Amino acid sequence: QVQLVESGGGLVQPGGSLRLSCAVSRRIFSVNGIGWYRQAPGKQRELVASISVGVGTNYADSVKGRFSISRDYAKNTVYLQMNSLNPEDTAVYYCNAAPGSGWPWGQGTQVTVSS
């Protein structure tokens, strides 16, 4: 069973930056559609960014130009660099493969943007 461990969240002021990491317990070289999702209180989980072989990266409109997804095959880790954070980015952030992969959800990492 694949295990996903997200880390790097925390409390940050508006305009600040954070870098999230997602350690995957299997090789990610051949996995398409690995992405970062987030769920704010009272809202549905949404896809924030994804990365796929041959397709590249994809971002939600709300984070374009501010967030950047990347992956390190040697470490089987996916990153999300988040810049210019605002209070609307407050949520629990999760990583996962594309829908239908059957990967379980990890515990997520809380990001709180507040002054």
Protein backbone atom coordinates (compact mmCIF):
# COMPACT_ATOMS: atom_id res chain seq x y z
CA GLN A 1 0.00 0.00 0.00
CA VAL A 2 1.35 3.39 -0.98
CA GLN A 3 1.99 5.78 1.86
CA LEU A 4 2.06 9.54 1.48
CA VAL A 5 3.56 11.84 4.08
CA GLU A 6 3.02 15.56 3.65
CA SER A 7 5.05 18.14 5.56
CA GLY A 8 6.13 21.76 5.50
CA GLY A 9 2.93 23.50 6.47
CA GLY A 10 2.63 26.11 9.16
CA LEU A 11 1.49 29.59 10.04
CA VAL A 12 2.63 32.33 7.68
CA GLN A 13 1.76 35.97 7.22
CA PRO A 14 0.05 37.21 4.06
CA GLY A 15 2.61 37.63 1.31
CA GLY A 16 4.83 34.95 2.76
CA SER A 17 6.06 31.67 1.32
CA LEU A 18 6.09 28.01 2.23
CA ARG A 19 7.45 24.88 0.59
CA LEU A 20 5.47 21.70 1.06
CA SER A 21 6.94 18.24 0.63
CA CYS A 22 5.24 14.92 -0.05
CA ALA A 23 7.26 11.77 0.51
CA VAL A 24 5.89 8.80 -1.43
CA SER A 25 6.69 5.24 -0.37
CA ARG A 26 7.08 4.01 -3.95
CA ARG A 27 8.88 5.13 -7.07
CA ILE A 28 7.13 8.06 -8.69
CA PHE A 29 9.03 7.99 -11.99
CA SER A 30 6.19 6.37 -13.93
CA VAL A 31 3.30 7.90 -12.03
CA ASN A 32 1.29 10.42 -13.94
CA GLY A 33 -0.88 13.11 -12.53
CA ILE A 34 0.69 13.50 -9.13
CA GLY A 35 -0.83 16.56 -7.62
CA TRP A 36 -1.41 18.73 -4.61
CA TYR A 37 -4.93 19.17 -3.32
CA ARG A 38 -6.30 21.32 -0.56
CA GLN A 39 -9.39 21.38 1.60
CA ALA A 40 -10.49 24.47 3.45
CA PRO A 41 -13.01 24.27 6.32
CA GLY A 42 -16.51 23.72 4.99
CA LYS A 43 -15.32 23.32 1.42
CA GLN A 44 -14.68 20.40 -0.89
CA ARG A 45 -11.20 19.18 -1.61
CA GLU A 46 -9.82 20.82 -4.76
CA LEU A 47 -6.89 20.19 -7.05
CA VAL A 48 -4.29 22.93 -6.74
CA ALA A 49 -1.51 21.71 -9.01
CA SER A 50 -0.49 18.56 -10.84
CA ILE A 51 2.45 17.31 -12.84
CA SER A 52 2.44 14.66 -15.54
CA VAL A 53 5.01 13.11 -17.84
CA GLY A 54 4.61 14.48 -21.32
CA VAL A 55 1.99 16.98 -20.23
CA GLY A 56 3.86 19.12 -17.80
CA THR A 57 2.26 21.09 -15.03
CA ASN A 58 -1.26 22.30 -14.44
CA TYR A 59 -2.49 24.82 -11.90
CA ALA A 60 -5.79 26.03 -10.57
CA ASP A 61 -6.50 29.58 -11.70
CA SER A 62 -6.40 30.79 -8.11
CA VAL A 63 -2.74 29.83 -7.69
CA LYS A 64 -1.28 30.40 -11.15
CA GLY A 65 1.85 32.50 -11.00
CA ARG A 66 2.20 31.95 -7.25
CA PHE A 67 2.57 28.20 -6.77
CA SER A 68 5.00 25.82 -8.43
CA ILE A 69 4.93 22.01 -8.35
CA SER A 70 8.04 19.91 -8.83
CA ARG A 71 9.28 16.39 -8.12
CA ASP A 72 12.52 14.68 -7.22
CA TYR A 73 12.63 11.16 -8.65
CA ALA A 74 15.67 10.19 -6.59
CA LYS A 75 13.86 11.04 -3.37
CA ASN A 76 10.37 10.01 -4.52
CA THR A 77 9.20 13.38 -3.29
CA VAL A 78 6.83 15.96 -4.71
CA TYR A 79 7.10 19.60 -3.73
CA LEU A 80 4.80 22.60 -3.80
CA GLN A 81 6.46 26.00 -3.59
CA MET A 82 3.89 28.55 -2.50
CA ASN A 83 4.61 32.26 -2.79
CA SER A 84 2.54 35.38 -2.19
CA LEU A 85 0.25 33.49 0.12
CA ASN A 86 -3.07 35.03 1.10
CA PRO A 87 -5.71 34.05 3.68
CA GLU A 88 -7.74 32.25 0.99
CA ASP A 89 -4.89 29.73 0.73
CA THR A 90 -5.57 28.54 4.27
CA ALA A 91 -6.37 24.83 4.11
CA VAL A 92 -5.07 21.34 4.73
CA TYR A 93 -2.87 20.38 1.80
CA TYR A 94 -2.60 16.82 0.52
CA CYS A 95 -0.75 15.12 -2.29
CA ASN A 96 -2.01 12.20 -4.31
CA ALA A 97 -1.90 10.62 -7.74
CA ALA A 98 -4.57 11.14 -10.37
CA PRO A 99 -8.14 10.15 -9.51
CA GLY A 100 -8.66 6.45 -10.00
CA SER A 101 -5.15 5.53 -8.93
CA GLY A 102 -6.42 4.04 -5.70
CA TRP A 103 -3.80 5.78 -3.61
CA PRO A 104 -4.94 6.48 -0.06
CA TRP A 105 -4.91 10.00 1.33
CA GLY A 106 -2.19 10.99 3.74
CA GLN A 107 -2.71 13.06 6.86
CA GLY A 108 -2.11 16.31 5.04
CA THR A 109 -0.28 19.38 6.25
CA GLN A 110 -2.03 22.46 7.59
CA VAL A 111 -1.29 25.82 6.00
CA THR A 112 -2.62 28.88 7.78
CA VAL A 113 -2.17 32.34 6.31
CA SER A 114 -2.93 35.02 8.85
CA SER A 115 -1.53 38.21 10.25
